[in-house]
Amino acid sequence: MATRKSPSKNSKGGRKIHKVMKEHKEGKLKSGSGRKVKNRKQAIAIALNEAREAGAKIPKKKATKKKATKKAATKSATKKKASRKSKS
């Protein structure tokens, strides 16, 4: 079982991430629009982005399988209703 290695505090990426997360904890972290970041996940995204820009080797997020969208689900439901009406 492979584990994902996180950047250490001594590496370039680790220092950047540590700095950004500390700013978030203190309530000083701001997004690109200038508003304060209140969401922890958004702070992590900003930290990883800044680390990548600084040249740290941080892998991109793996793509997940997308579930059927609501629009696609309603299309199939309407097709079923239409086929039932035509049979009657």
PDB file of N, CA and C in Angstrom:
ATOM      1  N   MET A   1       0.839  -1.172   0.000  1.00  0.00           N
ATOM      2  CA  MET A   1       0.000   0.000   0.000  1.00  0.00           C
ATOM      3  C   MET A   1       0.887   1.238   0.000  1.00  0.00           C
ATOM      4  N   ALA A   2       0.745   2.041  -1.023  1.00  0.00           N
ATOM      5  CA  ALA A   2       1.554   3.244  -1.150  1.00  0.00           C
ATOM      6  C   ALA A   2       0.928   4.381  -0.349  1.00  0.00           C
ATOM      7  N   THR A   3       1.764   5.113   0.356  1.00  0.00           N
ATOM      8  CA  THR A   3       1.272   6.259   1.117  1.00  0.00           C
ATOM      9  C   THR A   3       1.756   7.525   0.454  1.00  0.00           C
ATOM     10  N   ARG A   4       0.988   8.558   0.592  1.00  0.00           N
ATOM     11  CA  ARG A   4       1.342   9.841  -0.005  1.00  0.00           C
ATOM     12  C   ARG A   4       2.285  10.569   0.947  1.00  0.00           C
ATOM     13  N   LYS A   5       3.418  10.965   0.432  1.00  0.00           N
ATOM     14  CA  LYS A   5       4.397  11.659   1.250  1.00  0.00           C
ATOM     15  C   LYS A   5       4.061  13.139   1.287  1.00  0.00           C
ATOM     16  N   SER A   6       3.949  13.685   2.488  1.00  0.00           N
ATOM     17  CA  SER A   6       3.653  15.113   2.618  1.00  0.00           C
ATOM     18  C   SER A   6       4.959  15.892   2.682  1.00  0.00           C
ATOM     19  N   PRO A   7       4.953  17.132   2.227  1.00  0.00           N
ATOM     20  CA  PRO A   7       6.180  17.927   2.257  1.00  0.00           C
ATOM     21  C   PRO A   7       6.595  18.228   3.696  1.00  0.00           C
ATOM     22  N   SER A   8       7.876  18.075   3.992  1.00  0.00           N
ATOM     23  CA  SER A   8       8.354  18.343   5.352  1.00  0.00           C
ATOM     24  C   SER A   8       8.505  19.847   5.554  1.00  0.00           C
ATOM     25  N   LYS A   9       8.604  20.262   6.796  1.00  0.00           N
ATOM     26  CA  LYS A   9       8.723  21.685   7.105  1.00  0.00           C
ATOM     27  C   LYS A   9      10.044  22.272   6.607  1.00  0.00           C
ATOM     28  N   ASN A  10      11.013  21.400   6.343  1.00  0.00           N
ATOM     29  CA  ASN A  10      12.320  21.887   5.910  1.00  0.00           C
ATOM     30  C   ASN A  10      12.413  22.064   4.397  1.00  0.00           C
ATOM     31  N   SER A  11      11.483  21.464   3.654  1.00  0.00           N
ATOM     32  CA  SER A  11      11.542  21.604   2.203  1.00  0.00           C
ATOM     33  C   SER A  11      10.917  22.936   1.786  1.00  0.00           C
ATOM     34  N   LYS A  12      11.163  23.318   0.548  1.00  0.00           N
ATOM     35  CA  LYS A  12      10.634  24.588   0.030  1.00  0.00           C
ATOM     36  C   LYS A  12       9.111  24.596   0.087  1.00  0.00           C
ATOM     37  N   GLY A  13       8.505  23.511  -0.376  1.00  0.00           N
ATOM     38  CA  GLY A  13       7.046  23.422  -0.372  1.00  0.00           C
ATOM     39  C   GLY A  13       6.481  23.367   1.035  1.00  0.00           C
ATOM     40  N   GLY A  14       7.145  22.636   1.907  1.00  0.00           N
ATOM     41  CA  GLY A  14       6.689  22.503   3.282  1.00  0.00           C
ATOM     42  C   GLY A  14       6.700  23.824   4.030  1.00  0.00           C
ATOM     43  N   ARG A  15       7.727  24.622   3.796  1.00  0.00           N
ATOM     44  CA  ARG A  15       7.814  25.934   4.459  1.00  0.00           C
ATOM     45  C   ARG A  15       6.685  26.839   3.985  1.00  0.00           C
ATOM     46  N   LYS A  16       6.411  26.804   2.681  1.00  0.00           N
ATOM     47  CA  LYS A  16       5.351  27.638   2.116  1.00  0.00           C
ATOM     48  C   LYS A  16       3.995  27.240   2.693  1.00  0.00           C
ATOM     49  N   ILE A  17       3.730  25.937   2.722  1.00  0.00           N
ATOM     50  CA  ILE A  17       2.465  25.430   3.241  1.00  0.00           C
ATOM     51  C   ILE A  17       2.316  25.784   4.711  1.00  0.00           C
ATOM     52  N   HIS A  18       3.382  25.602   5.467  1.00  0.00           N
ATOM     53  CA  HIS A  18       3.349  25.917   6.899  1.00  0.00           C
ATOM     54  C   HIS A  18       3.033  27.398   7.122  1.00  0.00           C
ATOM     55  N   LYS A  19       3.652  28.270   6.333  1.00  0.00           N
ATOM     56  CA  LYS A  19       3.443  29.714   6.467  1.00  0.00           C
ATOM     57  C   LYS A  19       1.993  30.090   6.158  1.00  0.00           C
ATOM     58  N   VAL A  20       1.461  29.557   5.077  1.00  0.00           N
ATOM     59  CA  VAL A  20       0.095  29.888   4.671  1.00  0.00           C
ATOM     60  C   VAL A  20      -0.910  29.369   5.694  1.00  0.00           C
ATOM     61  N   MET A  21      -0.713  28.149   6.180  1.00  0.00           N
ATOM     62  CA  MET A  21      -1.652  27.590   7.152  1.00  0.00           C
ATOM     63  C   MET A  21      -1.582  28.342   8.481  1.00  0.00           C
ATOM     64  N   LYS A  22      -0.421  28.845   8.823  1.00  0.00           N
ATOM     65  CA  LYS A  22      -0.291  29.649  10.039  1.00  0.00           C
ATOM     66  C   LYS A  22      -1.063  30.963   9.883  1.00  0.00           C
ATOM     67  N   GLU A  23      -0.959  31.577   8.691  1.00  0.00           N
ATOM     68  CA  GLU A  23      -1.726  32.798   8.414  1.00  0.00           C
ATOM     69  C   GLU A  23      -3.223  32.535   8.528  1.00  0.00           C
ATOM     70  N   HIS A  24      -3.655  31.394   8.003  1.00  0.00           N
ATOM     71  CA  HIS A  24      -5.078  31.041   8.068  1.00  0.00           C
ATOM     72  C   HIS A  24      -5.526  30.896   9.520  1.00  0.00           C
ATOM     73  N   LYS A  25      -4.711  30.251  10.317  1.00  0.00           N
ATOM     74  CA  LYS A  25      -5.051  30.033  11.727  1.00  0.00           C
ATOM     75  C   LYS A  25      -5.161  31.360  12.475  1.00  0.00           C
ATOM     76  N   GLU A  26      -4.312  32.308  12.107  1.00  0.00           N
ATOM     77  CA  GLU A  26      -4.329  33.630  12.746  1.00  0.00           C
ATOM     78  C   GLU A  26      -5.424  34.522  12.183  1.00  0.00           C
ATOM     79  N   GLY A  27      -6.031  34.109  11.078  1.00  0.00           N
ATOM     80  CA  GLY A  27      -7.097  34.893  10.464  1.00  0.00           C
ATOM     81  C   GLY A  27      -6.587  35.992   9.556  1.00  0.00           C
ATOM     82  N   LYS A  28      -5.365  35.871   9.078  1.00  0.00           N
ATOM     83  CA  LYS A  28      -4.759  36.903   8.229  1.00  0.00           C
ATOM     84  C   LYS A  28      -4.675  36.502   6.757  1.00  0.00           C
ATOM     85  N   LEU A  29      -5.023  35.264   6.440  1.00  0.00           N
ATOM     86  CA  LEU A  29      -4.907  34.783   5.070  1.00  0.00           C
ATOM     87  C   LEU A  29      -6.012  35.371   4.205  1.00  0.00           C
ATOM     88  N   LYS A  30      -5.621  35.889   3.032  1.00  0.00           N
ATOM     89  CA  LYS A  30      -6.589  36.480   2.110  1.00  0.00           C
ATOM     90  C   LYS A  30      -6.504  35.785   0.765  1.00  0.00           C
ATOM     91  N   SER A  31      -7.645  35.719   0.093  1.00  0.00           N
ATOM     92  CA  SER A  31      -7.695  35.105  -1.233  1.00  0.00           C
ATOM     93  C   SER A  31      -7.273  36.137  -2.277  1.00  0.00           C
ATOM     94  N   GLY A  32      -7.317  35.744  -3.532  1.00  0.00           N
ATOM     95  CA  GLY A  32      -6.921  36.639  -4.618  1.00  0.00           C
ATOM     96  C   GLY A  32      -7.792  37.880  -4.708  1.00  0.00           C
ATOM     97  N   SER A  33      -9.046  37.768  -4.293  1.00  0.00           N
ATOM     98  CA  SER A  33      -9.957  38.912  -4.356  1.00  0.00           C
ATOM     99  C   SER A  33      -9.774  39.851  -3.164  1.00  0.00           C
ATOM    100  N   GLY A  34      -8.958  39.461  -2.207  1.00  0.00           N
ATOM    101  CA  GLY A  34      -8.686  40.320  -1.054  1.00  0.00           C
ATOM    102  C   GLY A  34      -9.543  40.024   0.162  1.00  0.00           C
ATOM    103  N   ARG A  35     -10.434  39.044   0.061  1.00  0.00           N
ATOM    104  CA  ARG A  35     -11.285  38.691   1.194  1.00  0.00           C
ATOM    105  C   ARG A  35     -10.582  37.681   2.086  1.00  0.00           C
ATOM    106  N   LYS A  36     -10.942  37.679   3.363  1.00  0.00           N
ATOM    107  CA  LYS A  36     -10.347  36.732   4.297  1.00  0.00           C
ATOM    108  C   LYS A  36     -10.822  35.323   3.981  1.00  0.00           C
ATOM    109  N   VAL A  37      -9.901  34.382   4.106  1.00  0.00           N
ATOM    110  CA  VAL A  37     -10.219  32.986   3.864  1.00  0.00           C
ATOM    111  C   VAL A  37     -10.686  32.378   5.178  1.00  0.00           C
ATOM    112  N   LYS A  38     -11.911  31.850   5.195  1.00  0.00           N
ATOM    113  CA  LYS A  38     -12.470  31.250   6.402  1.00  0.00           C
ATOM    114  C   LYS A  38     -12.543  29.735   6.303  1.00  0.00           C
ATOM    115  N   ASN A  39     -12.501  29.222   5.086  1.00  0.00           N
ATOM    116  CA  ASN A  39     -12.638  27.795   4.848  1.00  0.00           C
ATOM    117  C   ASN A  39     -11.260  27.130   4.872  1.00  0.00           C
ATOM    118  N   ARG A  40     -11.126  26.058   5.646  1.00  0.00           N
ATOM    119  CA  ARG A  40      -9.852  25.361   5.781  1.00  0.00           C
ATOM    120  C   ARG A  40      -9.415  24.739   4.453  1.00  0.00           C
ATOM    121  N   LYS A  41     -10.359  24.171   3.710  1.00  0.00           N
ATOM    122  CA  LYS A  41     -10.019  23.550   2.430  1.00  0.00           C
ATOM    123  C   LYS A  41      -9.510  24.582   1.431  1.00  0.00           C
ATOM    124  N   GLN A  42     -10.084  25.772   1.461  1.00  0.00           N
ATOM    125  CA  GLN A  42      -9.630  26.829   0.568  1.00  0.00           C
ATOM    126  C   GLN A  42      -8.214  27.249   0.947  1.00  0.00           C
ATOM    127  N   ALA A  43      -7.933  27.293   2.258  1.00  0.00           N
ATOM    128  CA  ALA A  43      -6.585  27.648   2.719  1.00  0.00           C
ATOM    129  C   ALA A  43      -5.571  26.613   2.255  1.00  0.00           C
ATOM    130  N   ILE A  44      -5.941  25.345   2.295  1.00  0.00           N
ATOM    131  CA  ILE A  44      -5.041  24.282   1.842  1.00  0.00           C
ATOM    132  C   ILE A  44      -4.782  24.418   0.347  1.00  0.00           C
ATOM    133  N   ALA A  45      -5.829  24.725  -0.411  1.00  0.00           N
ATOM    134  CA  ALA A  45      -5.673  24.901  -1.861  1.00  0.00           C
ATOM    135  C   ALA A  45      -4.730  26.058  -2.173  1.00  0.00           C
ATOM    136  N   ILE A  46      -4.855  27.148  -1.447  1.00  0.00           N
ATOM    137  CA  ILE A  46      -3.978  28.307  -1.639  1.00  0.00           C
ATOM    138  C   ILE A  46      -2.547  27.934  -1.286  1.00  0.00           C
ATOM    139  N   ALA A  47      -2.375  27.200  -0.197  1.00  0.00           N
ATOM    140  CA  ALA A  47      -1.038  26.796   0.247  1.00  0.00           C
ATOM    141  C   ALA A  47      -0.361  25.910  -0.790  1.00  0.00           C
ATOM    142  N   LEU A  48      -1.083  24.930  -1.310  1.00  0.00           N
ATOM    143  CA  LEU A  48      -0.499  24.034  -2.310  1.00  0.00           C
ATOM    144  C   LEU A  48      -0.181  24.775  -3.597  1.00  0.00           C
ATOM    145  N   ASN A  49      -1.036  25.701  -3.983  1.00  0.00           N
ATOM    146  CA  ASN A  49      -0.815  26.484  -5.192  1.00  0.00           C
ATOM    147  C   ASN A  49       0.433  27.347  -5.056  1.00  0.00           C
ATOM    148  N   GLU A  50       0.580  28.007  -3.917  1.00  0.00           N
ATOM    149  CA  GLU A  50       1.770  28.845  -3.702  1.00  0.00           C
ATOM    150  C   GLU A  50       3.031  28.004  -3.665  1.00  0.00           C
ATOM    151  N   ALA A  51       2.955  26.812  -3.079  1.00  0.00           N
ATOM    152  CA  ALA A  51       4.123  25.934  -3.028  1.00  0.00           C
ATOM    153  C   ALA A  51       4.524  25.493  -4.424  1.00  0.00           C
ATOM    154  N   ARG A  52       3.520  25.172  -5.262  1.00  0.00           N
ATOM    155  CA  ARG A  52       3.821  24.776  -6.646  1.00  0.00           C
ATOM    156  C   ARG A  52       4.456  25.922  -7.424  1.00  0.00           C
ATOM    157  N   GLU A  53       3.947  27.141  -7.205  1.00  0.00           N
ATOM    158  CA  GLU A  53       4.512  28.311  -7.884  1.00  0.00           C
ATOM    159  C   GLU A  53       5.946  28.564  -7.452  1.00  0.00           C
ATOM    160  N   ALA A  54       6.266  28.209  -6.196  1.00  0.00           N
ATOM    161  CA  ALA A  54       7.623  28.396  -5.691  1.00  0.00           C
ATOM    162  C   ALA A  54       8.573  27.324  -6.217  1.00  0.00           C
ATOM    163  N   GLY A  55       8.030  26.319  -6.893  1.00  0.00           N
ATOM    164  CA  GLY A  55       8.876  25.292  -7.491  1.00  0.00           C
ATOM    165  C   GLY A  55       8.905  23.986  -6.730  1.00  0.00           C
ATOM    166  N   ALA A  56       8.044  23.816  -5.735  1.00  0.00           N
ATOM    167  CA  ALA A  56       8.015  22.575  -4.974  1.00  0.00           C
ATOM    168  C   ALA A  56       7.377  21.471  -5.804  1.00  0.00           C
ATOM    169  N   LYS A  57       7.852  20.261  -5.612  1.00  0.00           N
ATOM    170  CA  LYS A  57       7.313  19.125  -6.347  1.00  0.00           C
ATOM    171  C   LYS A  57       6.140  18.547  -5.549  1.00  0.00           C
ATOM    172  N   ILE A  58       4.960  19.049  -5.835  1.00  0.00           N
ATOM    173  CA  ILE A  58       3.755  18.579  -5.165  1.00  0.00           C
ATOM    174  C   ILE A  58       2.838  18.035  -6.246  1.00  0.00           C
ATOM    175  N   PRO A  59       2.419  16.770  -6.121  1.00  0.00           N
ATOM    176  CA  PRO A  59       1.578  16.190  -7.166  1.00  0.00           C
ATOM    177  C   PRO A  59       0.212  16.852  -7.237  1.00  0.00           C
ATOM    178  N   LYS A  60      -0.351  16.889  -8.442  1.00  0.00           N
ATOM    179  CA  LYS A  60      -1.682  17.455  -8.618  1.00  0.00           C
ATOM    180  C   LYS A  60      -2.709  16.488  -8.054  1.00  0.00           C
ATOM    181  N   LYS A  61      -3.879  17.017  -7.732  1.00  0.00           N
ATOM    182  CA  LYS A  61      -4.950  16.205  -7.176  1.00  0.00           C
ATOM    183  C   LYS A  61      -5.404  15.187  -8.210  1.00  0.00           C
ATOM    184  N   LYS A  62      -5.608  13.941  -7.771  1.00  0.00           N
ATOM    185  CA  LYS A  62      -6.059  12.902  -8.678  1.00  0.00           C
ATOM    186  C   LYS A  62      -7.501  13.167  -9.078  1.00  0.00           C
ATOM    187  N   ALA A  63      -7.805  12.927 -10.332  1.00  0.00           N
ATOM    188  CA  ALA A  63      -9.161  13.121 -10.833  1.00  0.00           C
ATOM    189  C   ALA A  63     -10.041  11.989 -10.319  1.00  0.00           C
ATOM    190  N   THR A  64     -11.244  12.333  -9.904  1.00  0.00           N
ATOM    191  CA  THR A  64     -12.178  11.329  -9.428  1.00  0.00           C
ATOM    192  C   THR A  64     -13.222  11.071 -10.494  1.00  0.00           C
ATOM    193  N   LYS A  65     -13.875   9.928 -10.400  1.00  0.00           N
ATOM    194  CA  LYS A  65     -14.935   9.614 -11.351  1.00  0.00           C
ATOM    195  C   LYS A  65     -16.129  10.503 -11.057  1.00  0.00           C
ATOM    196  N   LYS A  66     -16.655  11.107 -12.100  1.00  0.00           N
ATOM    197  CA  LYS A  66     -17.793  12.001 -11.923  1.00  0.00           C
ATOM    198  C   LYS A  66     -19.079  11.189 -11.895  1.00  0.00           C
ATOM    199  N   LYS A  67     -19.958  11.557 -10.997  1.00  0.00           N
ATOM    200  CA  LYS A  67     -21.262  10.914 -10.919  1.00  0.00           C
ATOM    201  C   LYS A  67     -22.161  11.524 -11.983  1.00  0.00           C
ATOM    202  N   ALA A  68     -23.239  10.834 -12.279  1.00  0.00           N
ATOM    203  CA  ALA A  68     -24.197  11.355 -13.258  1.00  0.00           C
ATOM    204  C   ALA A  68     -24.767  12.657 -12.733  1.00  0.00           C
ATOM    205  N   THR A  69     -24.800  13.639 -13.577  1.00  0.00           N
ATOM    206  CA  THR A  69     -25.300  14.931 -13.154  1.00  0.00           C
ATOM    207  C   THR A  69     -26.808  14.908 -13.034  1.00  0.00           C
ATOM    208  N   LYS A  70     -27.344  15.882 -12.359  1.00  0.00           N
ATOM    209  CA  LYS A  70     -28.786  15.964 -12.165  1.00  0.00           C
ATOM    210  C   LYS A  70     -29.492  16.120 -13.509  1.00  0.00           C
ATOM    211  N   LYS A  71     -28.876  16.888 -14.408  1.00  0.00           N
ATOM    212  CA  LYS A  71     -29.475  17.130 -15.718  1.00  0.00           C
ATOM    213  C   LYS A  71     -29.582  15.825 -16.504  1.00  0.00           C
ATOM    214  N   ALA A  72     -28.542  15.018 -16.475  1.00  0.00           N
ATOM    215  CA  ALA A  72     -28.549  13.746 -17.189  1.00  0.00           C
ATOM    216  C   ALA A  72     -29.572  12.797 -16.582  1.00  0.00           C
ATOM    217  N   ALA A  73     -29.729  12.835 -15.275  1.00  0.00           N
ATOM    218  CA  ALA A  73     -30.692  11.967 -14.599  1.00  0.00           C
ATOM    219  C   ALA A  73     -32.121  12.350 -14.973  1.00  0.00           C
ATOM    220  N   THR A  74     -32.387  13.634 -15.090  1.00  0.00           N
ATOM    221  CA  THR A  74     -33.744  14.057 -15.450  1.00  0.00           C
ATOM    222  C   THR A  74     -34.043  13.738 -16.904  1.00  0.00           C
ATOM    223  N   LYS A  75     -33.038  13.782 -17.773  1.00  0.00           N
ATOM    224  CA  LYS A  75     -33.245  13.438 -19.176  1.00  0.00           C
ATOM    225  C   LYS A  75     -33.670  11.983 -19.308  1.00  0.00           C
ATOM    226  N   SER A  76     -32.984  11.093 -18.602  1.00  0.00           N
ATOM    227  CA  SER A  76     -33.322   9.672 -18.695  1.00  0.00           C
ATOM    228  C   SER A  76     -34.693   9.402 -18.098  1.00  0.00           C
ATOM    229  N   ALA A  77     -35.069  10.135 -17.063  1.00  0.00           N
ATOM    230  CA  ALA A  77     -36.386   9.959 -16.449  1.00  0.00           C
ATOM    231  C   ALA A  77     -37.491  10.397 -17.406  1.00  0.00           C
ATOM    232  N   THR A  78     -37.284  11.482 -18.127  1.00  0.00           N
ATOM    233  CA  THR A  78     -38.308  11.953 -19.071  1.00  0.00           C
ATOM    234  C   THR A  78     -38.435  11.005 -20.261  1.00  0.00           C
ATOM    235  N   LYS A  79     -37.323  10.404 -20.689  1.00  0.00           N
ATOM    236  CA  LYS A  79     -37.369   9.433 -21.778  1.00  0.00           C
ATOM    237  C   LYS A  79     -38.199   8.221 -21.364  1.00  0.00           C
ATOM    238  N   LYS A  80     -38.036   7.766 -20.130  1.00  0.00           N
ATOM    239  CA  LYS A  80     -38.785   6.610 -19.636  1.00  0.00           C
ATOM    240  C   LYS A  80     -40.278   6.923 -19.591  1.00  0.00           C
ATOM    241  N   LYS A  81     -40.628   8.126 -19.140  1.00  0.00           N
ATOM    242  CA  LYS A  81     -42.029   8.524 -19.064  1.00  0.00           C
ATOM    243  C   LYS A  81     -42.639   8.576 -20.458  1.00  0.00           C
ATOM    244  N   ALA A  82     -41.889   9.105 -21.420  1.00  0.00           N
ATOM    245  CA  ALA A  82     -42.379   9.230 -22.794  1.00  0.00           C
ATOM    246  C   ALA A  82     -42.601   7.862 -23.413  1.00  0.00           C
ATOM    247  N   SER A  83     -41.719   6.918 -23.141  1.00  0.00           N
ATOM    248  CA  SER A  83     -41.868   5.571 -23.715  1.00  0.00           C
ATOM    249  C   SER A  83     -43.052   4.852 -23.079  1.00  0.00           C
ATOM    250  N   ARG A  84     -43.346   5.104 -21.823  1.00  0.00           N
ATOM    251  CA  ARG A  84     -44.480   4.487 -21.155  1.00  0.00           C
ATOM    252  C   ARG A  84     -45.801   5.023 -21.751  1.00  0.00           C
ATOM    253  N   LYS A  85     -45.835   6.314 -22.034  1.00  0.00           N
ATOM    254  CA  LYS A  85     -47.061   6.927 -22.591  1.00  0.00           C
ATOM    255  C   LYS A  85     -47.336   6.412 -23.995  1.00  0.00           C
ATOM    256  N   SER A  86     -46.293   6.230 -24.798  1.00  0.00           N
ATOM    257  CA  SER A  86     -46.483   5.795 -26.179  1.00  0.00           C
ATOM    258  C   SER A  86     -46.953   4.337 -26.244  1.00  0.00           C
ATOM    259  N   LYS A  87     -46.596   3.526 -25.251  1.00  0.00           N
ATOM    260  CA  LYS A  87     -47.018   2.126 -25.208  1.00  0.00           C
ATOM    261  C   LYS A  87     -48.496   2.006 -24.861  1.00  0.00           C
ATOM    262  N   SER A  88     -49.038   2.955 -24.106  1.00  0.00           N
ATOM    263  CA  SER A  88     -50.430   2.872 -23.658  1.00  0.00           C
ATOM    264  C   SER A  88     -51.432   3.126 -24.742  1.00  0.00           C
TER     265      SER A  88
END
